[in-house]
Amino acid sequence: MKVLKLSASGVPQSWITLQEAVTHYAADDVRWEAGSHVACFRGGHNAVTGLQSRIEVASIIGTRGKPSIDPFAMRMALTNSKLFCRDRQICAYCGQWFAEDHLTREHVIPVSQRGPDTWMNVVTACASCNHRKAGRTPEQAHMPLLYAPYTPSLWEDFILRNRRILADQMEFLMAHVPKSSRLAA
């Protein structure tokens, strides 16, 4: 399980472990929290009061300090698993859903024609369609795209990089996803 770490202003910074979250609580770096409490860590007993120390970790925390991520300068890393998730595992040419191991990264403008390996030039394709299109553009292969590629927002990227998102974390992230996002559909 991961905790969604945000800046104090609510911009996603990273997915962190429960232990990393406890470190932020212990250092008094947590400015606010949201979502449900997902873990409780117990410490020693206070010599004066006899009370046991405990830290309850929320699924979403806002931390103090300078944000490490500038959402306007961020370049989203392109990976096959994030690409397939962005495109909902649907081939951009035949429109069929496939399991991840039957999908490929397909360059709209082929690398052989100097097409870049960027979010705006790649789509998900089944192996059959990718093979049929080969080193041609969709127009050259007479294989029109069923959907257009796009670069995910920072919020979408945080959804795409974690496969085990808790319901309250997903609700928080989805509230910031652009309405035009494929993830919102």
N, C-alpha and C. Protein backbone atom coordinates (compact mmCIF):
# COMPACT_ATOMS: atom_id res chain seq x y z
N MET A 1 0.84 -1.18 0.00
CA MET A 1 0.00 0.00 0.00
C MET A 1 0.89 1.24 0.00
N LYS A 2 0.48 2.24 -0.77
CA LYS A 2 1.24 3.49 -0.87
C LYS A 2 0.38 4.64 -0.37
N VAL A 3 1.05 5.65 0.15
CA VAL A 3 0.40 6.88 0.60
C VAL A 3 0.67 7.93 -0.47
N LEU A 4 -0.35 8.71 -0.81
CA LEU A 4 -0.20 9.78 -1.78
C LEU A 4 0.33 11.01 -1.04
N LYS A 5 1.56 11.40 -1.39
CA LYS A 5 2.19 12.56 -0.76
C LYS A 5 1.98 13.76 -1.67
N LEU A 6 1.44 14.84 -1.09
CA LEU A 6 1.19 16.08 -1.82
C LEU A 6 1.98 17.21 -1.20
N SER A 7 2.16 18.29 -1.96
CA SER A 7 2.74 19.49 -1.37
C SER A 7 1.67 20.11 -0.48
N ALA A 8 2.03 21.09 0.30
CA ALA A 8 1.06 21.75 1.18
C ALA A 8 -0.08 22.36 0.38
N SER A 9 0.20 22.73 -0.88
CA SER A 9 -0.84 23.33 -1.72
C SER A 9 -1.65 22.28 -2.48
N GLY A 10 -1.34 20.99 -2.28
CA GLY A 10 -2.14 19.93 -2.87
C GLY A 10 -1.68 19.39 -4.20
N VAL A 11 -0.45 19.70 -4.61
CA VAL A 11 0.09 19.18 -5.87
C VAL A 11 0.77 17.84 -5.59
N PRO A 12 0.43 16.79 -6.36
CA PRO A 12 1.05 15.48 -6.12
C PRO A 12 2.57 15.54 -6.22
N GLN A 13 3.23 14.86 -5.28
CA GLN A 13 4.69 14.83 -5.25
C GLN A 13 5.22 13.42 -5.48
N SER A 14 4.62 12.43 -4.81
CA SER A 14 5.09 11.05 -4.99
C SER A 14 4.15 10.09 -4.29
N TRP A 15 4.32 8.81 -4.64
CA TRP A 15 3.71 7.71 -3.89
C TRP A 15 4.78 7.25 -2.92
N ILE A 16 4.47 7.21 -1.63
CA ILE A 16 5.48 6.83 -0.64
C ILE A 16 4.99 5.63 0.18
N THR A 17 5.93 4.94 0.79
CA THR A 17 5.59 3.80 1.64
C THR A 17 5.02 4.29 2.96
N LEU A 18 4.41 3.37 3.69
CA LEU A 18 3.89 3.71 5.02
C LEU A 18 5.03 4.18 5.93
N GLN A 19 6.18 3.53 5.82
CA GLN A 19 7.32 3.91 6.66
C GLN A 19 7.79 5.33 6.35
N GLU A 20 7.81 5.69 5.06
CA GLU A 20 8.19 7.06 4.70
C GLU A 20 7.17 8.06 5.23
N ALA A 21 5.89 7.69 5.19
CA ALA A 21 4.84 8.57 5.72
C ALA A 21 5.02 8.77 7.22
N VAL A 22 5.34 7.71 7.95
CA VAL A 22 5.57 7.82 9.40
C VAL A 22 6.71 8.79 9.67
N THR A 23 7.74 8.76 8.85
CA THR A 23 8.87 9.68 9.01
C THR A 23 8.39 11.12 8.89
N HIS A 24 7.50 11.40 7.94
CA HIS A 24 6.96 12.75 7.78
C HIS A 24 6.13 13.15 9.01
N TYR A 25 5.34 12.23 9.53
CA TYR A 25 4.55 12.52 10.74
C TYR A 25 5.49 12.79 11.92
N ALA A 26 6.49 11.93 12.11
CA ALA A 26 7.40 12.07 13.24
C ALA A 26 8.20 13.36 13.18
N ALA A 27 8.53 13.81 11.97
CA ALA A 27 9.28 15.06 11.80
C ALA A 27 8.36 16.28 11.81
N ASP A 28 7.07 16.06 12.03
CA ASP A 28 6.06 17.14 12.04
C ASP A 28 6.00 17.87 10.69
N ASP A 29 6.21 17.11 9.62
CA ASP A 29 6.15 17.66 8.26
C ASP A 29 4.76 17.61 7.66
N VAL A 30 3.84 16.87 8.28
CA VAL A 30 2.50 16.74 7.71
C VAL A 30 1.68 17.96 8.11
N ARG A 31 1.28 18.75 7.08
CA ARG A 31 0.49 19.96 7.32
C ARG A 31 -0.99 19.64 7.37
N TRP A 32 -1.41 18.65 6.56
CA TRP A 32 -2.81 18.25 6.54
C TRP A 32 -2.92 16.84 6.00
N GLU A 33 -4.04 16.22 6.22
CA GLU A 33 -4.27 14.87 5.72
C GLU A 33 -5.69 14.75 5.22
N ALA A 34 -5.90 13.78 4.34
CA ALA A 34 -7.23 13.52 3.78
C ALA A 34 -7.36 12.02 3.60
N GLY A 35 -8.57 11.60 3.31
CA GLY A 35 -8.80 10.17 3.14
C GLY A 35 -8.90 9.47 4.48
N SER A 36 -8.91 8.18 4.42
CA SER A 36 -9.05 7.38 5.63
C SER A 36 -7.69 7.08 6.24
N HIS A 37 -7.72 6.71 7.53
CA HIS A 37 -6.48 6.26 8.17
C HIS A 37 -6.25 4.82 7.73
N VAL A 38 -5.05 4.54 7.23
CA VAL A 38 -4.76 3.22 6.67
C VAL A 38 -3.82 2.38 7.53
N ALA A 39 -3.19 3.00 8.50
CA ALA A 39 -2.28 2.25 9.37
C ALA A 39 -2.08 3.00 10.67
N CYS A 40 -1.74 2.25 11.69
CA CYS A 40 -1.42 2.83 12.99
C CYS A 40 -0.13 2.19 13.49
N PHE A 41 0.86 3.05 13.75
CA PHE A 41 2.15 2.57 14.25
C PHE A 41 2.25 2.95 15.72
N ARG A 42 2.63 1.98 16.54
CA ARG A 42 2.74 2.21 17.99
C ARG A 42 4.21 2.22 18.38
N GLY A 43 4.51 3.13 19.30
CA GLY A 43 5.89 3.25 19.78
C GLY A 43 6.00 2.88 21.24
N GLY A 44 6.96 3.51 21.91
CA GLY A 44 7.20 3.23 23.32
C GLY A 44 6.22 3.96 24.22
N HIS A 45 6.37 3.72 25.52
CA HIS A 45 5.52 4.36 26.52
C HIS A 45 6.24 5.57 27.12
N ASN A 46 5.51 6.63 27.33
CA ASN A 46 6.04 7.85 27.93
C ASN A 46 6.31 7.57 29.41
N ALA A 47 7.51 7.92 29.86
CA ALA A 47 7.90 7.65 31.24
C ALA A 47 7.05 8.43 32.24
N VAL A 48 6.60 9.62 31.86
CA VAL A 48 5.83 10.47 32.78
C VAL A 48 4.35 10.09 32.78
N THR A 49 3.77 10.00 31.58
CA THR A 49 2.32 9.77 31.48
C THR A 49 1.96 8.29 31.39
N GLY A 50 2.90 7.48 30.97
CA GLY A 50 2.63 6.06 30.79
C GLY A 50 1.88 5.75 29.50
N LEU A 51 1.58 6.79 28.72
CA LEU A 51 0.85 6.58 27.47
C LEU A 51 1.78 6.09 26.37
N GLN A 52 1.26 5.22 25.55
CA GLN A 52 2.03 4.70 24.42
C GLN A 52 1.91 5.68 23.25
N SER A 53 3.04 5.97 22.61
CA SER A 53 3.00 6.85 21.44
C SER A 53 2.41 6.09 20.27
N ARG A 54 1.70 6.82 19.39
CA ARG A 54 1.13 6.19 18.20
C ARG A 54 1.01 7.22 17.10
N ILE A 55 1.20 6.73 15.90
CA ILE A 55 1.07 7.58 14.71
C ILE A 55 0.07 6.90 13.78
N GLU A 56 -1.01 7.60 13.49
CA GLU A 56 -2.00 7.11 12.54
C GLU A 56 -1.71 7.75 11.19
N VAL A 57 -1.61 6.92 10.16
CA VAL A 57 -1.24 7.37 8.82
C VAL A 57 -2.49 7.45 7.94
N ALA A 58 -2.68 8.61 7.34
CA ALA A 58 -3.79 8.79 6.40
C ALA A 58 -3.33 8.39 4.99
N SER A 59 -4.28 8.08 4.12
CA SER A 59 -3.94 7.64 2.77
C SER A 59 -3.43 8.78 1.89
N ILE A 60 -3.73 10.03 2.30
CA ILE A 60 -3.28 11.21 1.56
C ILE A 60 -2.73 12.20 2.56
N ILE A 61 -1.49 12.67 2.33
CA ILE A 61 -0.91 13.66 3.25
C ILE A 61 -0.36 14.84 2.46
N GLY A 62 -0.54 16.02 3.01
CA GLY A 62 0.07 17.24 2.48
C GLY A 62 1.23 17.60 3.37
N THR A 63 2.41 17.79 2.78
CA THR A 63 3.60 18.02 3.58
C THR A 63 4.15 19.43 3.41
N ARG A 64 4.82 19.89 4.43
CA ARG A 64 5.44 21.22 4.37
C ARG A 64 6.74 21.13 3.60
N GLY A 65 7.31 22.27 3.33
CA GLY A 65 8.57 22.31 2.59
C GLY A 65 8.33 22.65 1.13
N LYS A 66 9.42 22.89 0.44
CA LYS A 66 9.34 23.26 -0.98
C LYS A 66 8.96 22.04 -1.81
N PRO A 67 7.94 22.17 -2.68
CA PRO A 67 7.57 21.03 -3.52
C PRO A 67 8.72 20.61 -4.43
N SER A 68 8.89 19.30 -4.58
CA SER A 68 9.95 18.81 -5.45
C SER A 68 9.49 18.72 -6.89
N ILE A 69 8.18 18.78 -7.11
CA ILE A 69 7.63 18.69 -8.47
C ILE A 69 6.97 20.00 -8.84
N ASP A 70 7.42 20.57 -9.96
CA ASP A 70 6.77 21.74 -10.55
C ASP A 70 5.84 21.20 -11.63
N PRO A 71 4.52 21.28 -11.44
CA PRO A 71 3.60 20.66 -12.39
C PRO A 71 3.70 21.23 -13.80
N PHE A 72 4.25 22.43 -13.93
CA PHE A 72 4.34 23.06 -15.25
C PHE A 72 5.62 22.69 -15.99
N ALA A 73 6.62 22.19 -15.25
CA ALA A 73 7.89 21.80 -15.87
C ALA A 73 8.02 20.28 -15.98
N MET A 74 7.00 19.58 -15.51
CA MET A 74 7.06 18.12 -15.44
C MET A 74 6.95 17.47 -16.82
N ARG A 75 7.83 16.50 -17.08
CA ARG A 75 7.72 15.66 -18.28
C ARG A 75 7.33 14.28 -17.81
N MET A 76 6.21 13.80 -18.26
CA MET A 76 5.71 12.50 -17.83
C MET A 76 6.51 11.38 -18.51
N ALA A 77 7.06 10.48 -17.72
CA ALA A 77 7.82 9.35 -18.27
C ALA A 77 6.87 8.45 -19.06
N LEU A 78 7.33 8.04 -20.23
CA LEU A 78 6.54 7.17 -21.10
C LEU A 78 6.98 5.72 -20.90
N THR A 79 6.06 4.91 -20.40
CA THR A 79 6.30 3.47 -20.25
C THR A 79 5.15 2.74 -20.92
N ASN A 80 5.40 1.51 -21.32
CA ASN A 80 4.34 0.73 -21.96
C ASN A 80 3.15 0.53 -21.04
N SER A 81 3.38 0.20 -19.79
CA SER A 81 2.24 -0.04 -18.89
C SER A 81 1.40 1.21 -18.71
N LYS A 82 2.04 2.39 -18.60
CA LYS A 82 1.27 3.64 -18.49
C LYS A 82 0.54 3.95 -19.79
N LEU A 83 1.19 3.69 -20.94
CA LEU A 83 0.56 3.91 -22.24
C LEU A 83 -0.67 3.02 -22.39
N PHE A 84 -0.54 1.73 -22.09
CA PHE A 84 -1.66 0.81 -22.23
C PHE A 84 -2.81 1.19 -21.30
N CYS A 85 -2.48 1.66 -20.11
CA CYS A 85 -3.51 2.12 -19.17
C CYS A 85 -4.19 3.38 -19.69
N ARG A 86 -3.39 4.34 -20.21
CA ARG A 86 -3.96 5.56 -20.78
C ARG A 86 -4.99 5.23 -21.86
N ASP A 87 -4.64 4.25 -22.70
CA ASP A 87 -5.50 3.88 -23.83
C ASP A 87 -6.48 2.76 -23.49
N ARG A 88 -6.59 2.43 -22.20
CA ARG A 88 -7.54 1.43 -21.70
C ARG A 88 -7.37 0.06 -22.35
N GLN A 89 -6.16 -0.24 -22.78
CA GLN A 89 -5.81 -1.52 -23.39
C GLN A 89 -6.63 -1.81 -24.66
N ILE A 90 -6.96 -0.73 -25.36
CA ILE A 90 -7.73 -0.84 -26.60
C ILE A 90 -6.83 -0.48 -27.77
N CYS A 91 -6.80 -1.34 -28.77
CA CYS A 91 -6.00 -1.09 -29.96
C CYS A 91 -6.54 0.13 -30.70
N ALA A 92 -5.65 1.04 -31.07
CA ALA A 92 -6.04 2.28 -31.74
C ALA A 92 -6.50 2.05 -33.18
N TYR A 93 -6.32 0.85 -33.69
CA TYR A 93 -6.67 0.56 -35.09
C TYR A 93 -7.89 -0.34 -35.23
N CYS A 94 -7.95 -1.44 -34.48
CA CYS A 94 -9.10 -2.34 -34.61
C CYS A 94 -10.15 -2.12 -33.54
N GLY A 95 -9.80 -1.38 -32.47
CA GLY A 95 -10.76 -1.06 -31.42
C GLY A 95 -11.04 -2.18 -30.44
N GLN A 96 -10.29 -3.26 -30.51
CA GLN A 96 -10.51 -4.39 -29.60
C GLN A 96 -9.70 -4.22 -28.32
N TRP A 97 -10.21 -4.77 -27.21
CA TRP A 97 -9.49 -4.79 -25.94
C TRP A 97 -8.60 -6.02 -25.92
N PHE A 98 -7.37 -5.87 -25.42
CA PHE A 98 -6.42 -6.98 -25.32
C PHE A 98 -5.76 -6.97 -23.95
N ALA A 99 -5.32 -8.14 -23.52
CA ALA A 99 -4.50 -8.25 -22.31
C ALA A 99 -3.17 -7.57 -22.61
N GLU A 100 -2.53 -7.06 -21.55
CA GLU A 100 -1.29 -6.29 -21.72
C GLU A 100 -0.21 -7.03 -22.50
N ASP A 101 -0.11 -8.34 -22.32
CA ASP A 101 0.97 -9.07 -23.00
C ASP A 101 0.71 -9.27 -24.49
N HIS A 102 -0.44 -8.83 -25.00
CA HIS A 102 -0.74 -8.89 -26.43
C HIS A 102 -0.72 -7.50 -27.08
N LEU A 103 -0.25 -6.51 -26.32
CA LEU A 103 -0.23 -5.13 -26.81
C LEU A 103 1.19 -4.67 -27.11
N THR A 104 1.29 -3.66 -27.97
CA THR A 104 2.58 -3.07 -28.33
C THR A 104 2.47 -1.56 -28.33
N ARG A 105 3.62 -0.91 -28.20
CA ARG A 105 3.70 0.54 -28.36
C ARG A 105 3.81 0.80 -29.86
N GLU A 106 2.88 1.57 -30.40
CA GLU A 106 2.82 1.81 -31.83
C GLU A 106 3.09 3.29 -32.09
N HIS A 107 4.07 3.57 -32.92
CA HIS A 107 4.41 4.95 -33.28
C HIS A 107 3.55 5.39 -34.46
N VAL A 108 2.77 6.44 -34.27
CA VAL A 108 1.89 6.93 -35.34
C VAL A 108 2.75 7.32 -36.54
N ILE A 109 3.72 8.18 -36.32
CA ILE A 109 4.75 8.43 -37.34
C ILE A 109 5.90 7.51 -36.96
N PRO A 110 6.17 6.50 -37.78
CA PRO A 110 7.17 5.48 -37.41
C PRO A 110 8.55 6.07 -37.12
N VAL A 111 9.26 5.41 -36.24
CA VAL A 111 10.63 5.80 -35.91
C VAL A 111 11.48 5.79 -37.18
N SER A 112 11.20 4.86 -38.09
CA SER A 112 11.94 4.79 -39.35
C SER A 112 11.73 6.02 -40.22
N GLN A 113 10.65 6.77 -39.95
CA GLN A 113 10.38 8.02 -40.66
C GLN A 113 10.64 9.22 -39.75
N ARG A 114 11.50 9.00 -38.76
CA ARG A 114 11.92 10.02 -37.80
C ARG A 114 10.81 10.47 -36.85
N GLY A 115 9.88 9.59 -36.58
CA GLY A 115 8.84 9.88 -35.60
C GLY A 115 9.41 9.78 -34.19
N PRO A 116 9.09 10.72 -33.31
CA PRO A 116 9.64 10.69 -31.96
C PRO A 116 8.95 9.65 -31.07
N ASP A 117 9.64 9.24 -30.03
CA ASP A 117 9.08 8.32 -29.03
C ASP A 117 8.53 9.17 -27.90
N THR A 118 7.40 9.83 -28.16
CA THR A 118 6.77 10.73 -27.20
C THR A 118 5.29 10.37 -27.06
N TRP A 119 4.68 10.84 -25.97
CA TRP A 119 3.26 10.58 -25.72
C TRP A 119 2.39 10.98 -26.91
N MET A 120 2.74 12.07 -27.59
CA MET A 120 1.91 12.57 -28.68
C MET A 120 2.09 11.78 -29.98
N ASN A 121 3.02 10.83 -30.01
CA ASN A 121 3.25 10.05 -31.22
C ASN A 121 3.08 8.55 -31.01
N VAL A 122 2.58 8.15 -29.85
CA VAL A 122 2.40 6.72 -29.61
C VAL A 122 0.97 6.39 -29.19
N VAL A 123 0.53 5.23 -29.60
CA VAL A 123 -0.76 4.70 -29.21
C VAL A 123 -0.59 3.21 -28.90
N THR A 124 -1.60 2.64 -28.30
CA THR A 124 -1.62 1.21 -28.03
C THR A 124 -2.13 0.49 -29.27
N ALA A 125 -1.46 -0.61 -29.63
CA ALA A 125 -1.90 -1.41 -30.77
C ALA A 125 -1.71 -2.89 -30.45
N CYS A 126 -2.61 -3.70 -30.98
CA CYS A 126 -2.41 -5.15 -30.85
C CYS A 126 -1.26 -5.53 -31.77
N ALA A 127 -0.68 -6.68 -31.51
CA ALA A 127 0.47 -7.12 -32.30
C ALA A 127 0.11 -7.26 -33.77
N SER A 128 -1.09 -7.73 -34.07
CA SER A 128 -1.52 -7.93 -35.45
C SER A 128 -1.60 -6.60 -36.21
N CYS A 129 -2.25 -5.61 -35.61
CA CYS A 129 -2.37 -4.30 -36.27
C CYS A 129 -1.01 -3.62 -36.40
N ASN A 130 -0.17 -3.73 -35.37
CA ASN A 130 1.15 -3.13 -35.43
C ASN A 130 1.96 -3.75 -36.56
N HIS A 131 1.86 -5.05 -36.71
CA HIS A 131 2.58 -5.75 -37.78
C HIS A 131 2.04 -5.34 -39.15
N ARG A 132 0.71 -5.24 -39.25
CA ARG A 132 0.09 -4.87 -40.54
C ARG A 132 0.45 -3.44 -40.94
N LYS A 133 0.48 -2.52 -39.98
CA LYS A 133 0.82 -1.12 -40.28
C LYS A 133 2.30 -1.01 -40.65
N ALA A 134 3.12 -1.79 -39.99
CA ALA A 134 4.56 -1.83 -40.25
C ALA A 134 5.18 -0.44 -40.12
N GLY A 135 6.07 -0.07 -41.03
CA GLY A 135 6.80 1.20 -40.96
C GLY A 135 6.12 2.32 -41.72
N ARG A 136 4.79 2.30 -41.76
CA ARG A 136 4.05 3.32 -42.49
C ARG A 136 3.23 4.18 -41.53
N THR A 137 2.80 5.34 -41.98
CA THR A 137 1.88 6.16 -41.20
C THR A 137 0.49 5.55 -41.34
N PRO A 138 -0.44 5.93 -40.49
CA PRO A 138 -1.81 5.41 -40.63
C PRO A 138 -2.40 5.70 -42.02
N GLU A 139 -2.09 6.87 -42.58
CA GLU A 139 -2.60 7.22 -43.90
C GLU A 139 -2.00 6.32 -44.98
N GLN A 140 -0.69 6.09 -44.90
CA GLN A 140 -0.02 5.23 -45.88
C GLN A 140 -0.53 3.80 -45.81
N ALA A 141 -0.87 3.33 -44.61
CA ALA A 141 -1.33 1.95 -44.41
C ALA A 141 -2.85 1.83 -44.57
N HIS A 142 -3.55 2.95 -44.77
CA HIS A 142 -5.02 2.97 -44.84
C HIS A 142 -5.63 2.36 -43.58
N MET A 143 -5.06 2.78 -42.44
CA MET A 143 -5.52 2.31 -41.13
C MET A 143 -5.75 3.54 -40.24
N PRO A 144 -6.92 4.15 -40.32
CA PRO A 144 -7.17 5.36 -39.52
C PRO A 144 -7.16 5.08 -38.01
N LEU A 145 -6.67 6.06 -37.28
CA LEU A 145 -6.67 5.97 -35.82
C LEU A 145 -8.10 6.11 -35.30
N LEU A 146 -8.46 5.30 -34.31
CA LEU A 146 -9.78 5.39 -33.68
C LEU A 146 -9.80 6.42 -32.56
N TYR A 147 -8.63 6.78 -32.05
CA TYR A 147 -8.51 7.82 -31.03
C TYR A 147 -7.15 8.49 -31.18
N ALA A 148 -7.06 9.69 -30.67
CA ALA A 148 -5.83 10.48 -30.80
C ALA A 148 -4.94 10.31 -29.57
N PRO A 149 -3.64 10.32 -29.77
CA PRO A 149 -2.73 10.28 -28.62
C PRO A 149 -2.75 11.62 -27.88
N TYR A 150 -2.40 11.59 -26.60
CA TYR A 150 -2.28 12.82 -25.83
C TYR A 150 -1.30 12.60 -24.68
N THR A 151 -0.77 13.69 -24.16
CA THR A 151 0.14 13.64 -23.01
C THR A 151 -0.69 13.73 -21.74
N PRO A 152 -0.56 12.76 -20.84
CA PRO A 152 -1.33 12.80 -19.59
C PRO A 152 -0.94 14.00 -18.73
N SER A 153 -1.91 14.51 -17.98
CA SER A 153 -1.65 15.57 -17.01
C SER A 153 -0.89 14.97 -15.83
N LEU A 154 -0.41 15.81 -14.94
CA LEU A 154 0.28 15.35 -13.74
C LEU A 154 -0.63 14.43 -12.93
N TRP A 155 -1.89 14.80 -12.81
CA TRP A 155 -2.85 14.02 -12.03
C TRP A 155 -3.07 12.65 -12.67
N GLU A 156 -3.21 12.62 -13.99
CA GLU A 156 -3.36 11.35 -14.70
C GLU A 156 -2.12 10.49 -14.53
N ASP A 157 -0.95 11.11 -14.59
CA ASP A 157 0.30 10.38 -14.45
C ASP A 157 0.36 9.68 -13.10
N PHE A 158 -0.11 10.33 -12.05
CA PHE A 158 -0.10 9.69 -10.73
C PHE A 158 -1.04 8.50 -10.69
N ILE A 159 -2.13 8.56 -11.42
CA ILE A 159 -3.04 7.41 -11.51
C ILE A 159 -2.37 6.30 -12.33
N LEU A 160 -1.73 6.67 -13.43
CA LEU A 160 -1.12 5.68 -14.32
C LEU A 160 0.07 4.97 -13.70
N ARG A 161 0.74 5.60 -12.74
CA ARG A 161 1.95 4.96 -12.20
C ARG A 161 1.71 4.09 -10.97
N ASN A 162 0.48 3.98 -10.51
CA ASN A 162 0.20 3.13 -9.34
C ASN A 162 -1.00 2.24 -9.65
N ARG A 163 -0.82 0.95 -9.60
CA ARG A 163 -1.91 0.01 -9.90
C ARG A 163 -2.79 -0.29 -8.70
N ARG A 164 -2.38 0.08 -7.51
CA ARG A 164 -3.15 -0.24 -6.30
C ARG A 164 -3.54 1.04 -5.58
N ILE A 165 -4.43 1.78 -6.19
CA ILE A 165 -4.86 3.06 -5.63
C ILE A 165 -6.11 2.82 -4.79
N LEU A 166 -6.11 3.33 -3.57
CA LEU A 166 -7.28 3.22 -2.70
C LEU A 166 -8.40 4.11 -3.23
N ALA A 167 -9.62 3.78 -2.88
CA ALA A 167 -10.79 4.51 -3.40
C ALA A 167 -10.72 6.00 -3.08
N ASP A 168 -10.33 6.37 -1.85
CA ASP A 168 -10.27 7.80 -1.51
C ASP A 168 -9.15 8.52 -2.25
N GLN A 169 -8.04 7.83 -2.51
CA GLN A 169 -6.95 8.42 -3.29
C GLN A 169 -7.41 8.63 -4.74
N MET A 170 -8.10 7.64 -5.30
CA MET A 170 -8.59 7.75 -6.67
C MET A 170 -9.60 8.89 -6.78
N GLU A 171 -10.48 8.99 -5.83
CA GLU A 171 -11.46 10.08 -5.84
C GLU A 171 -10.77 11.44 -5.81
N PHE A 172 -9.75 11.58 -4.98
CA PHE A 172 -9.00 12.83 -4.88
C PHE A 172 -8.32 13.16 -6.21
N LEU A 173 -7.63 12.17 -6.80
CA LEU A 173 -6.92 12.40 -8.06
C LEU A 173 -7.90 12.67 -9.21
N MET A 174 -8.97 11.89 -9.29
CA MET A 174 -9.94 12.05 -10.38
C MET A 174 -10.63 13.41 -10.34
N ALA A 175 -10.73 14.01 -9.17
CA ALA A 175 -11.34 15.34 -9.06
C ALA A 175 -10.51 16.40 -9.80
N HIS A 176 -9.24 16.09 -10.09
CA HIS A 176 -8.35 17.04 -10.75
C HIS A 176 -8.00 16.66 -12.19
N VAL A 177 -8.47 15.51 -12.62
CA VAL A 177 -8.19 15.04 -13.99
C VAL A 177 -9.03 15.85 -14.98
N PRO A 178 -8.45 16.27 -16.10
CA PRO A 178 -9.23 17.01 -17.10
C PRO A 178 -10.45 16.20 -17.56
N LYS A 179 -11.54 16.88 -17.79
CA LYS A 179 -12.77 16.21 -18.23
C LYS A 179 -12.60 15.48 -19.55
N SER A 180 -11.65 15.91 -20.37
CA SER A 180 -11.39 15.27 -21.67
C SER A 180 -10.53 14.00 -21.55
N SER A 181 -10.08 13.68 -20.37
CA SER A 181 -9.20 12.53 -20.17
C SER A 181 -9.92 11.21 -20.47
N ARG A 182 -9.19 10.28 -21.06
CA ARG A 182 -9.73 8.93 -21.27
C ARG A 182 -9.95 8.23 -19.95
N LEU A 183 -9.21 8.62 -18.92
CA LEU A 183 -9.38 8.00 -17.60
C LEU A 183 -10.69 8.41 -16.95
N ALA A 184 -11.24 9.57 -17.36
CA ALA A 184 -12.48 10.07 -16.78
C ALA A 184 -13.70 9.43 -17.44
N ALA A 185 -13.50 8.81 -18.58
CA ALA A 185 -14.64 8.24 -19.31
C ALA A 185 -15.14 6.97 -18.68
